């Protein structure tokens, strides 16, 4: 009996139905975690506000909030709470 190893890709992530959970792919494995708590989201909001104020003041780019897929490659796609970009 052979075991088949399933390797997930970004395409698989895009076709996964929305179920309220957080889905990420790390090294071809599908990682599913529950949605963040109120306290977590409150902390993220505070951090994003601080970052956005600094980045806007110094014209460094933009701050984006979740959900936002960061595709490192086909088998490593993570969902960021927030990110800054130019």
PDB file of N, CA and C in Angstrom:
ATOM      1  N   UNK A   1       0.841  -1.174   0.000  1.00  0.00           N
ATOM      2  CA  UNK A   1       0.000   0.000   0.000  1.00  0.00           C
ATOM      3  C   UNK A   1       0.888   1.240   0.000  1.00  0.00           C
ATOM      4  N   UNK A   2       0.648   2.134  -0.924  1.00  0.00           N
ATOM      5  CA  UNK A   2       1.456   3.348  -0.985  1.00  0.00           C
ATOM      6  C   UNK A   2       0.651   4.544  -0.497  1.00  0.00           C
ATOM      7  N   UNK A   3       1.340   5.447   0.144  1.00  0.00           N
ATOM      8  CA  UNK A   3       0.725   6.694   0.598  1.00  0.00           C
ATOM      9  C   UNK A   3       0.975   7.771  -0.443  1.00  0.00           C
ATOM     10  N   UNK A   4      -0.071   8.479  -0.806  1.00  0.00           N
ATOM     11  CA  UNK A   4       0.062   9.576  -1.752  1.00  0.00           C
ATOM     12  C   UNK A   4       0.209  10.872  -0.976  1.00  0.00           C
ATOM     13  N   UNK A   5       1.250  11.610  -1.278  1.00  0.00           N
ATOM     14  CA  UNK A   5       1.474  12.895  -0.626  1.00  0.00           C
ATOM     15  C   UNK A   5       0.879  13.980  -1.510  1.00  0.00           C
ATOM     16  N   UNK A   6      -0.045  14.741  -0.944  1.00  0.00           N
ATOM     17  CA  UNK A   6      -0.679  15.832  -1.680  1.00  0.00           C
ATOM     18  C   UNK A   6       0.110  17.108  -1.434  1.00  0.00           C
ATOM     19  N   UNK A   7       0.497  17.771  -2.509  1.00  0.00           N
ATOM     20  CA  UNK A   7       1.195  19.053  -2.424  1.00  0.00           C
ATOM     21  C   UNK A   7       0.229  20.122  -2.915  1.00  0.00           C
ATOM     22  N   UNK A   8      -0.107  21.065  -2.055  1.00  0.00           N
ATOM     23  CA  UNK A   8      -1.032  22.135  -2.421  1.00  0.00           C
ATOM     24  C   UNK A   8      -0.270  23.289  -3.058  1.00  0.00           C
ATOM     25  N   UNK A   9      -0.966  24.006  -3.944  1.00  0.00           N
ATOM     26  CA  UNK A   9      -0.367  25.156  -4.625  1.00  0.00           C
ATOM     27  C   UNK A   9      -1.264  26.377  -4.441  1.00  0.00           C
ATOM     28  N   UNK A  10      -0.802  27.505  -4.931  1.00  0.00           N
ATOM     29  CA  UNK A  10      -1.577  28.736  -4.863  1.00  0.00           C
ATOM     30  C   UNK A  10      -2.913  28.568  -5.593  1.00  0.00           C
ATOM     31  N   UNK A  11      -2.908  27.847  -6.699  1.00  0.00           N
ATOM     32  CA  UNK A  11      -4.154  27.586  -7.428  1.00  0.00           C
ATOM     33  C   UNK A  11      -5.157  26.859  -6.528  1.00  0.00           C
ATOM     34  N   UNK A  12      -4.699  25.882  -5.767  1.00  0.00           N
ATOM     35  CA  UNK A  12      -5.586  25.167  -4.845  1.00  0.00           C
ATOM     36  C   UNK A  12      -6.164  26.118  -3.807  1.00  0.00           C
ATOM     37  N   UNK A  13      -5.344  27.024  -3.314  1.00  0.00           N
ATOM     38  CA  UNK A  13      -5.805  27.988  -2.322  1.00  0.00           C
ATOM     39  C   UNK A  13      -6.895  28.881  -2.907  1.00  0.00           C
ATOM     40  N   UNK A  14      -6.710  29.315  -4.142  1.00  0.00           N
ATOM     41  CA  UNK A  14      -7.694  30.184  -4.786  1.00  0.00           C
ATOM     42  C   UNK A  14      -9.029  29.483  -5.011  1.00  0.00           C
ATOM     43  N   UNK A  15      -9.012  28.171  -5.134  1.00  0.00           N
ATOM     44  CA  UNK A  15     -10.250  27.424  -5.387  1.00  0.00           C
ATOM     45  C   UNK A  15     -10.847  26.818  -4.117  1.00  0.00           C
ATOM     46  N   UNK A  16     -10.262  27.104  -2.958  1.00  0.00           N
ATOM     47  CA  UNK A  16     -10.798  26.622  -1.686  1.00  0.00           C
ATOM     48  C   UNK A  16     -12.009  27.466  -1.305  1.00  0.00           C
ATOM     49  N   UNK A  17     -13.152  26.833  -1.003  1.00  0.00           N
ATOM     50  CA  UNK A  17     -14.351  27.605  -0.636  1.00  0.00           C
ATOM     51  C   UNK A  17     -14.141  28.400   0.654  1.00  0.00           C
ATOM     52  N   UNK A  18     -14.732  29.585   0.715  1.00  0.00           N
ATOM     53  CA  UNK A  18     -14.670  30.406   1.925  1.00  0.00           C
ATOM     54  C   UNK A  18     -15.487  29.732   3.024  1.00  0.00           C
ATOM     55  N   UNK A  19     -14.871  29.554   4.194  1.00  0.00           N
ATOM     56  CA  UNK A  19     -15.584  28.940   5.306  1.00  0.00           C
ATOM     57  C   UNK A  19     -15.381  29.701   6.610  1.00  0.00           C
ATOM     58  N   UNK A  20     -14.791  30.894   6.526  1.00  0.00           N
ATOM     59  CA  UNK A  20     -14.564  31.695   7.721  1.00  0.00           C
ATOM     60  C   UNK A  20     -13.232  31.423   8.392  1.00  0.00           C
ATOM     61  N   UNK A  21     -12.554  30.351   8.007  1.00  0.00           N
ATOM     62  CA  UNK A  21     -11.240  30.046   8.565  1.00  0.00           C
ATOM     63  C   UNK A  21     -10.146  30.678   7.710  1.00  0.00           C
ATOM     64  N   UNK A  22      -8.957  30.702   8.254  1.00  0.00           N
ATOM     65  CA  UNK A  22      -7.795  31.242   7.554  1.00  0.00           C
ATOM     66  C   UNK A  22      -7.062  30.084   6.883  1.00  0.00           C
ATOM     67  N   UNK A  23      -6.789  30.211   5.598  1.00  0.00           N
ATOM     68  CA  UNK A  23      -6.105  29.163   4.838  1.00  0.00           C
ATOM     69  C   UNK A  23      -4.776  29.696   4.321  1.00  0.00           C
ATOM     70  N   UNK A  24      -3.728  28.931   4.545  1.00  0.00           N
ATOM     71  CA  UNK A  24      -2.402  29.273   4.048  1.00  0.00           C
ATOM     72  C   UNK A  24      -1.763  28.006   3.496  1.00  0.00           C
ATOM     73  N   UNK A  25      -0.781  28.187   2.641  1.00  0.00           N
ATOM     74  CA  UNK A  25      -0.013  27.050   2.148  1.00  0.00           C
ATOM     75  C   UNK A  25       1.432  27.286   2.540  1.00  0.00           C
ATOM     76  N   UNK A  26       2.007  26.294   3.218  1.00  0.00           N
ATOM     77  CA  UNK A  26       3.410  26.395   3.611  1.00  0.00           C
ATOM     78  C   UNK A  26       4.114  25.118   3.192  1.00  0.00           C
ATOM     79  N   UNK A  27       5.081  25.277   2.284  1.00  0.00           N
ATOM     80  CA  UNK A  27       5.848  24.157   1.764  1.00  0.00           C
ATOM     81  C   UNK A  27       4.945  23.055   1.215  1.00  0.00           C
ATOM     82  N   UNK A  28       3.855  23.462   0.535  1.00  0.00           N
ATOM     83  CA  UNK A  28       2.949  22.520  -0.092  1.00  0.00           C
ATOM     84  C   UNK A  28       1.876  21.950   0.814  1.00  0.00           C
ATOM     85  N   UNK A  29       1.915  22.266   2.113  1.00  0.00           N
ATOM     86  CA  UNK A  29       0.900  21.788   3.055  1.00  0.00           C
ATOM     87  C   UNK A  29      -0.172  22.854   3.245  1.00  0.00           C
ATOM     88  N   UNK A  30      -1.435  22.436   3.309  1.00  0.00           N
ATOM     89  CA  UNK A  30      -2.537  23.346   3.566  1.00  0.00           C
ATOM     90  C   UNK A  30      -2.685  23.507   5.072  1.00  0.00           C
ATOM     91  N   UNK A  31      -2.570  24.731   5.546  1.00  0.00           N
ATOM     92  CA  UNK A  31      -2.690  25.042   6.968  1.00  0.00           C
ATOM     93  C   UNK A  31      -4.005  25.796   7.164  1.00  0.00           C
ATOM     94  N   UNK A  32      -4.865  25.293   8.055  1.00  0.00           N
ATOM     95  CA  UNK A  32      -6.156  25.921   8.327  1.00  0.00           C
ATOM     96  C   UNK A  32      -6.200  26.302   9.801  1.00  0.00           C
ATOM     97  N   UNK A  33      -6.478  27.572  10.070  1.00  0.00           N
ATOM     98  CA  UNK A  33      -6.597  28.049  11.447  1.00  0.00           C
ATOM     99  C   UNK A  33      -7.882  28.858  11.581  1.00  0.00           C
ATOM    100  N   UNK A  34      -8.349  28.970  12.795  1.00  0.00           N
ATOM    101  CA  UNK A  34      -9.576  29.723  13.060  1.00  0.00           C
ATOM    102  C   UNK A  34      -9.358  31.210  12.816  1.00  0.00           C
ATOM    103  N   UNK A  35     -10.452  31.920  12.627  1.00  0.00           N
ATOM    104  CA  UNK A  35     -10.378  33.371  12.472  1.00  0.00           C
ATOM    105  C   UNK A  35      -9.813  33.989  13.745  1.00  0.00           C
ATOM    106  N   UNK A  36      -9.146  35.151  13.631  1.00  0.00           N
ATOM    107  CA  UNK A  36      -8.555  35.790  14.804  1.00  0.00           C
ATOM    108  C   UNK A  36      -9.616  36.319  15.772  1.00  0.00           C
ATOM    109  N   UNK A  37      -9.212  36.458  17.027  1.00  0.00           N
ATOM    110  CA  UNK A  37     -10.118  36.934  18.075  1.00  0.00           C
ATOM    111  C   UNK A  37     -10.280  38.456  18.015  1.00  0.00           C
ATOM    112  N   UNK A  38     -11.239  38.959  18.771  1.00  0.00           N
ATOM    113  CA  UNK A  38     -11.464  40.403  18.865  1.00  0.00           C
ATOM    114  C   UNK A  38     -10.206  41.107  19.376  1.00  0.00           C
ATOM    115  N   UNK A  39      -9.594  40.566  20.434  1.00  0.00           N
ATOM    116  CA  UNK A  39      -8.394  41.190  21.010  1.00  0.00           C
ATOM    117  C   UNK A  39      -7.271  41.257  19.976  1.00  0.00           C
ATOM    118  N   UNK A  40      -7.108  40.197  19.203  1.00  0.00           N
ATOM    119  CA  UNK A  40      -6.074  40.175  18.166  1.00  0.00           C
ATOM    120  C   UNK A  40      -6.347  41.249  17.124  1.00  0.00           C
ATOM    121  N   UNK A  41      -7.584  41.318  16.640  1.00  0.00           N
ATOM    122  CA  UNK A  41      -7.926  42.302  15.617  1.00  0.00           C
ATOM    123  C   UNK A  41      -7.796  43.728  16.144  1.00  0.00           C
ATOM    124  N   UNK A  42      -8.116  43.950  17.407  1.00  0.00           N
ATOM    125  CA  UNK A  42      -7.951  45.269  18.017  1.00  0.00           C
ATOM    126  C   UNK A  42      -6.474  45.653  18.050  1.00  0.00           C
ATOM    127  N   UNK A  43      -5.616  44.706  18.418  1.00  0.00           N
ATOM    128  CA  UNK A  43      -4.171  44.970  18.429  1.00  0.00           C
ATOM    129  C   UNK A  43      -3.663  45.260  17.020  1.00  0.00           C
ATOM    130  N   UNK A  44      -4.119  44.493  16.038  1.00  0.00           N
ATOM    131  CA  UNK A  44      -3.713  44.716  14.647  1.00  0.00           C
ATOM    132  C   UNK A  44      -4.129  46.112  14.191  1.00  0.00           C
ATOM    133  N   UNK A  45      -5.351  46.515  14.517  1.00  0.00           N
ATOM    134  CA  UNK A  45      -5.834  47.848  14.139  1.00  0.00           C
ATOM    135  C   UNK A  45      -4.948  48.939  14.722  1.00  0.00           C
ATOM    136  N   UNK A  46      -4.578  48.802  15.983  1.00  0.00           N
ATOM    137  CA  UNK A  46      -3.707  49.799  16.615  1.00  0.00           C
ATOM    138  C   UNK A  46      -2.335  49.854  15.945  1.00  0.00           C
ATOM    139  N   UNK A  47      -1.776  48.701  15.653  1.00  0.00           N
ATOM    140  CA  UNK A  47      -0.461  48.651  15.000  1.00  0.00           C
ATOM    141  C   UNK A  47      -0.533  49.241  13.598  1.00  0.00           C
ATOM    142  N   UNK A  48      -1.581  48.897  12.852  1.00  0.00           N
ATOM    143  CA  UNK A  48      -1.740  49.429  11.493  1.00  0.00           C
ATOM    144  C   UNK A  48      -1.859  50.950  11.529  1.00  0.00           C
ATOM    145  N   UNK A  49      -2.591  51.479  12.488  1.00  0.00           N
ATOM    146  CA  UNK A  49      -2.732  52.936  12.603  1.00  0.00           C
ATOM    147  C   UNK A  49      -1.368  53.598  12.827  1.00  0.00           C
ATOM    148  N   UNK A  50      -0.576  53.045  13.725  1.00  0.00           N
ATOM    149  CA  UNK A  50       0.758  53.596  14.002  1.00  0.00           C
ATOM    150  C   UNK A  50       1.643  53.508  12.760  1.00  0.00           C
ATOM    151  N   UNK A  51       1.666  52.337  12.130  1.00  0.00           N
ATOM    152  CA  UNK A  51       2.484  52.164  10.921  1.00  0.00           C
ATOM    153  C   UNK A  51       2.033  53.087   9.797  1.00  0.00           C
ATOM    154  N   UNK A  52       0.722  53.164   9.574  1.00  0.00           N
ATOM    155  CA  UNK A  52       0.198  53.988   8.479  1.00  0.00           C
ATOM    156  C   UNK A  52       0.537  55.457   8.688  1.00  0.00           C
ATOM    157  N   UNK A  53       0.440  55.937   9.911  1.00  0.00           N
ATOM    158  CA  UNK A  53       0.775  57.337  10.198  1.00  0.00           C
ATOM    159  C   UNK A  53       2.236  57.619   9.877  1.00  0.00           C
ATOM    160  N   UNK A  54       3.126  56.733  10.303  1.00  0.00           N
ATOM    161  CA  UNK A  54       4.560  56.911  10.057  1.00  0.00           C
ATOM    162  C   UNK A  54       4.871  56.826   8.558  1.00  0.00           C
ATOM    163  N   UNK A  55       4.332  55.821   7.907  1.00  0.00           N
ATOM    164  CA  UNK A  55       4.617  55.618   6.484  1.00  0.00           C
ATOM    165  C   UNK A  55       4.076  56.767   5.640  1.00  0.00           C
ATOM    166  N   UNK A  56       2.886  57.261   5.979  1.00  0.00           N
ATOM    167  CA  UNK A  56       2.317  58.389   5.230  1.00  0.00           C
ATOM    168  C   UNK A  56       3.135  59.655   5.462  1.00  0.00           C
ATOM    169  N   UNK A  57       3.504  59.917   6.706  1.00  0.00           N
ATOM    170  CA  UNK A  57       4.284  61.112   7.045  1.00  0.00           C
ATOM    171  C   UNK A  57       5.599  61.154   6.274  1.00  0.00           C
ATOM    172  N   UNK A  58       6.248  60.015   6.136  1.00  0.00           N
ATOM    173  CA  UNK A  58       7.559  59.946   5.478  1.00  0.00           C
ATOM    174  C   UNK A  58       7.469  59.490   4.016  1.00  0.00           C
ATOM    175  N   UNK A  59       6.245  59.396   3.493  1.00  0.00           N
ATOM    176  CA  UNK A  59       6.011  59.011   2.096  1.00  0.00           C
ATOM    177  C   UNK A  59       6.772  57.735   1.712  1.00  0.00           C
ATOM    178  N   UNK A  60       6.583  56.710   2.526  1.00  0.00           N
ATOM    179  CA  UNK A  60       7.309  55.454   2.333  1.00  0.00           C
ATOM    180  C   UNK A  60       6.515  54.405   1.562  1.00  0.00           C
ATOM    181  N   UNK A  61       5.246  54.638   1.315  1.00  0.00           N
ATOM    182  CA  UNK A  61       4.430  53.654   0.606  1.00  0.00           C
ATOM    183  C   UNK A  61       3.047  53.586   1.197  1.00  0.00           C
ATOM    184  N   UNK A  62       2.500  52.374   1.315  1.00  0.00           N
ATOM    185  CA  UNK A  62       1.151  52.158   1.832  1.00  0.00           C
ATOM    186  C   UNK A  62       1.140  51.000   2.812  1.00  0.00           C
ATOM    187  N   UNK A  63       0.179  51.022   3.713  1.00  0.00           N
ATOM    188  CA  UNK A  63      -0.062  49.904   4.618  1.00  0.00           C
ATOM    189  C   UNK A  63      -1.353  49.234   4.172  1.00  0.00           C
ATOM    190  N   UNK A  64      -1.321  47.929   4.012  1.00  0.00           N
ATOM    191  CA  UNK A  64      -2.490  47.155   3.614  1.00  0.00           C
ATOM    192  C   UNK A  64      -2.874  46.209   4.740  1.00  0.00           C
ATOM    193  N   UNK A  65      -4.155  45.926   4.870  1.00  0.00           N
ATOM    194  CA  UNK A  65      -4.615  45.043   5.937  1.00  0.00           C
ATOM    195  C   UNK A  65      -5.160  43.738   5.375  1.00  0.00           C
ATOM    196  N   UNK A  66      -5.320  42.778   6.267  1.00  0.00           N
ATOM    197  CA  UNK A  66      -5.810  41.447   5.909  1.00  0.00           C
ATOM    198  C   UNK A  66      -7.271  41.505   5.487  1.00  0.00           C
ATOM    199  N   UNK A  67      -7.717  40.526   4.738  1.00  0.00           N
ATOM    200  CA  UNK A  67      -6.910  39.418   4.242  1.00  0.00           C
ATOM    201  C   UNK A  67      -6.111  39.811   3.009  1.00  0.00           C
ATOM    202  N   UNK A  68      -4.892  39.376   2.977  1.00  0.00           N
ATOM    203  CA  UNK A  68      -4.000  39.676   1.862  1.00  0.00           C
ATOM    204  C   UNK A  68      -3.048  38.498   1.688  1.00  0.00           C
ATOM    205  N   UNK A  69      -3.173  37.788   0.578  1.00  0.00           N
ATOM    206  CA  UNK A  69      -2.271  36.668   0.310  1.00  0.00           C
ATOM    207  C   UNK A  69      -0.903  37.195  -0.094  1.00  0.00           C
ATOM    208  N   UNK A  70       0.122  36.646   0.517  1.00  0.00           N
ATOM    209  CA  UNK A  70       1.493  36.941   0.123  1.00  0.00           C
ATOM    210  C   UNK A  70       2.037  35.657  -0.487  1.00  0.00           C
ATOM    211  N   UNK A  71       2.233  35.685  -1.801  1.00  0.00           N
ATOM    212  CA  UNK A  71       2.646  34.499  -2.546  1.00  0.00           C
ATOM    213  C   UNK A  71       4.168  34.513  -2.695  1.00  0.00           C
ATOM    214  N   UNK A  72       4.842  33.722  -1.859  1.00  0.00           N
ATOM    215  CA  UNK A  72       6.297  33.636  -1.921  1.00  0.00           C
ATOM    216  C   UNK A  72       6.718  32.772  -3.104  1.00  0.00           C
ATOM    217  N   UNK A  73       5.973  31.703  -3.340  1.00  0.00           N
ATOM    218  CA  UNK A  73       6.087  30.863  -4.527  1.00  0.00           C
ATOM    219  C   UNK A  73       4.836  29.994  -4.558  1.00  0.00           C
ATOM    220  N   UNK A  74       4.710  29.081  -5.520  1.00  0.00           N
ATOM    221  CA  UNK A  74       3.489  28.287  -5.682  1.00  0.00           C
ATOM    222  C   UNK A  74       3.131  27.449  -4.454  1.00  0.00           C
ATOM    223  N   UNK A  75       4.130  27.064  -3.650  1.00  0.00           N
ATOM    224  CA  UNK A  75       3.864  26.204  -2.503  1.00  0.00           C
ATOM    225  C   UNK A  75       4.053  26.914  -1.167  1.00  0.00           C
ATOM    226  N   UNK A  76       4.178  28.236  -1.196  1.00  0.00           N
ATOM    227  CA  UNK A  76       4.284  29.016   0.044  1.00  0.00           C
ATOM    228  C   UNK A  76       3.468  30.295  -0.133  1.00  0.00           C
ATOM    229  N   UNK A  77       2.227  30.237   0.373  1.00  0.00           N
ATOM    230  CA  UNK A  77       1.319  31.376   0.296  1.00  0.00           C
ATOM    231  C   UNK A  77       0.775  31.606   1.695  1.00  0.00           C
ATOM    232  N   UNK A  78       1.031  32.770   2.252  1.00  0.00           N
ATOM    233  CA  UNK A  78       0.596  33.067   3.610  1.00  0.00           C
ATOM    234  C   UNK A  78      -0.352  34.254   3.604  1.00  0.00           C
ATOM    235  N   UNK A  79      -1.188  34.317   4.623  1.00  0.00           N
ATOM    236  CA  UNK A  79      -2.140  35.403   4.798  1.00  0.00           C
ATOM    237  C   UNK A  79      -1.556  36.344   5.840  1.00  0.00           C
ATOM    238  N   UNK A  80      -1.358  37.572   5.442  1.00  0.00           N
ATOM    239  CA  UNK A  80      -0.746  38.546   6.332  1.00  0.00           C
ATOM    240  C   UNK A  80      -1.809  39.324   7.092  1.00  0.00           C
ATOM    241  N   UNK A  81      -1.541  39.657   8.362  1.00  0.00           N
ATOM    242  CA  UNK A  81      -2.426  40.544   9.116  1.00  0.00           C
ATOM    243  C   UNK A  81      -2.347  41.956   8.566  1.00  0.00           C
ATOM    244  N   UNK A  82      -1.152  42.366   8.208  1.00  0.00           N
ATOM    245  CA  UNK A  82      -0.951  43.676   7.594  1.00  0.00           C
ATOM    246  C   UNK A  82       0.409  43.663   6.920  1.00  0.00           C
ATOM    247  N   UNK A  83       0.593  44.572   5.992  1.00  0.00           N
ATOM    248  CA  UNK A  83       1.882  44.671   5.324  1.00  0.00           C
ATOM    249  C   UNK A  83       2.059  46.079   4.795  1.00  0.00           C
ATOM    250  N   UNK A  84       3.291  46.425   4.549  1.00  0.00           N
ATOM    251  CA  UNK A  84       3.609  47.728   3.963  1.00  0.00           C
ATOM    252  C   UNK A  84       4.232  47.479   2.601  1.00  0.00           C
ATOM    253  N   UNK A  85       3.891  48.327   1.653  1.00  0.00           N
ATOM    254  CA  UNK A  85       4.409  48.165   0.301  1.00  0.00           C
ATOM    255  C   UNK A  85       4.702  49.517  -0.316  1.00  0.00           C
ATOM    256  N   UNK A  86       5.603  49.539  -1.284  1.00  0.00           N
ATOM    257  CA  UNK A  86       5.909  50.766  -2.025  1.00  0.00           C
ATOM    258  C   UNK A  86       5.292  50.704  -3.377  1.00  0.00           C
TER     259      UNK A  86
END
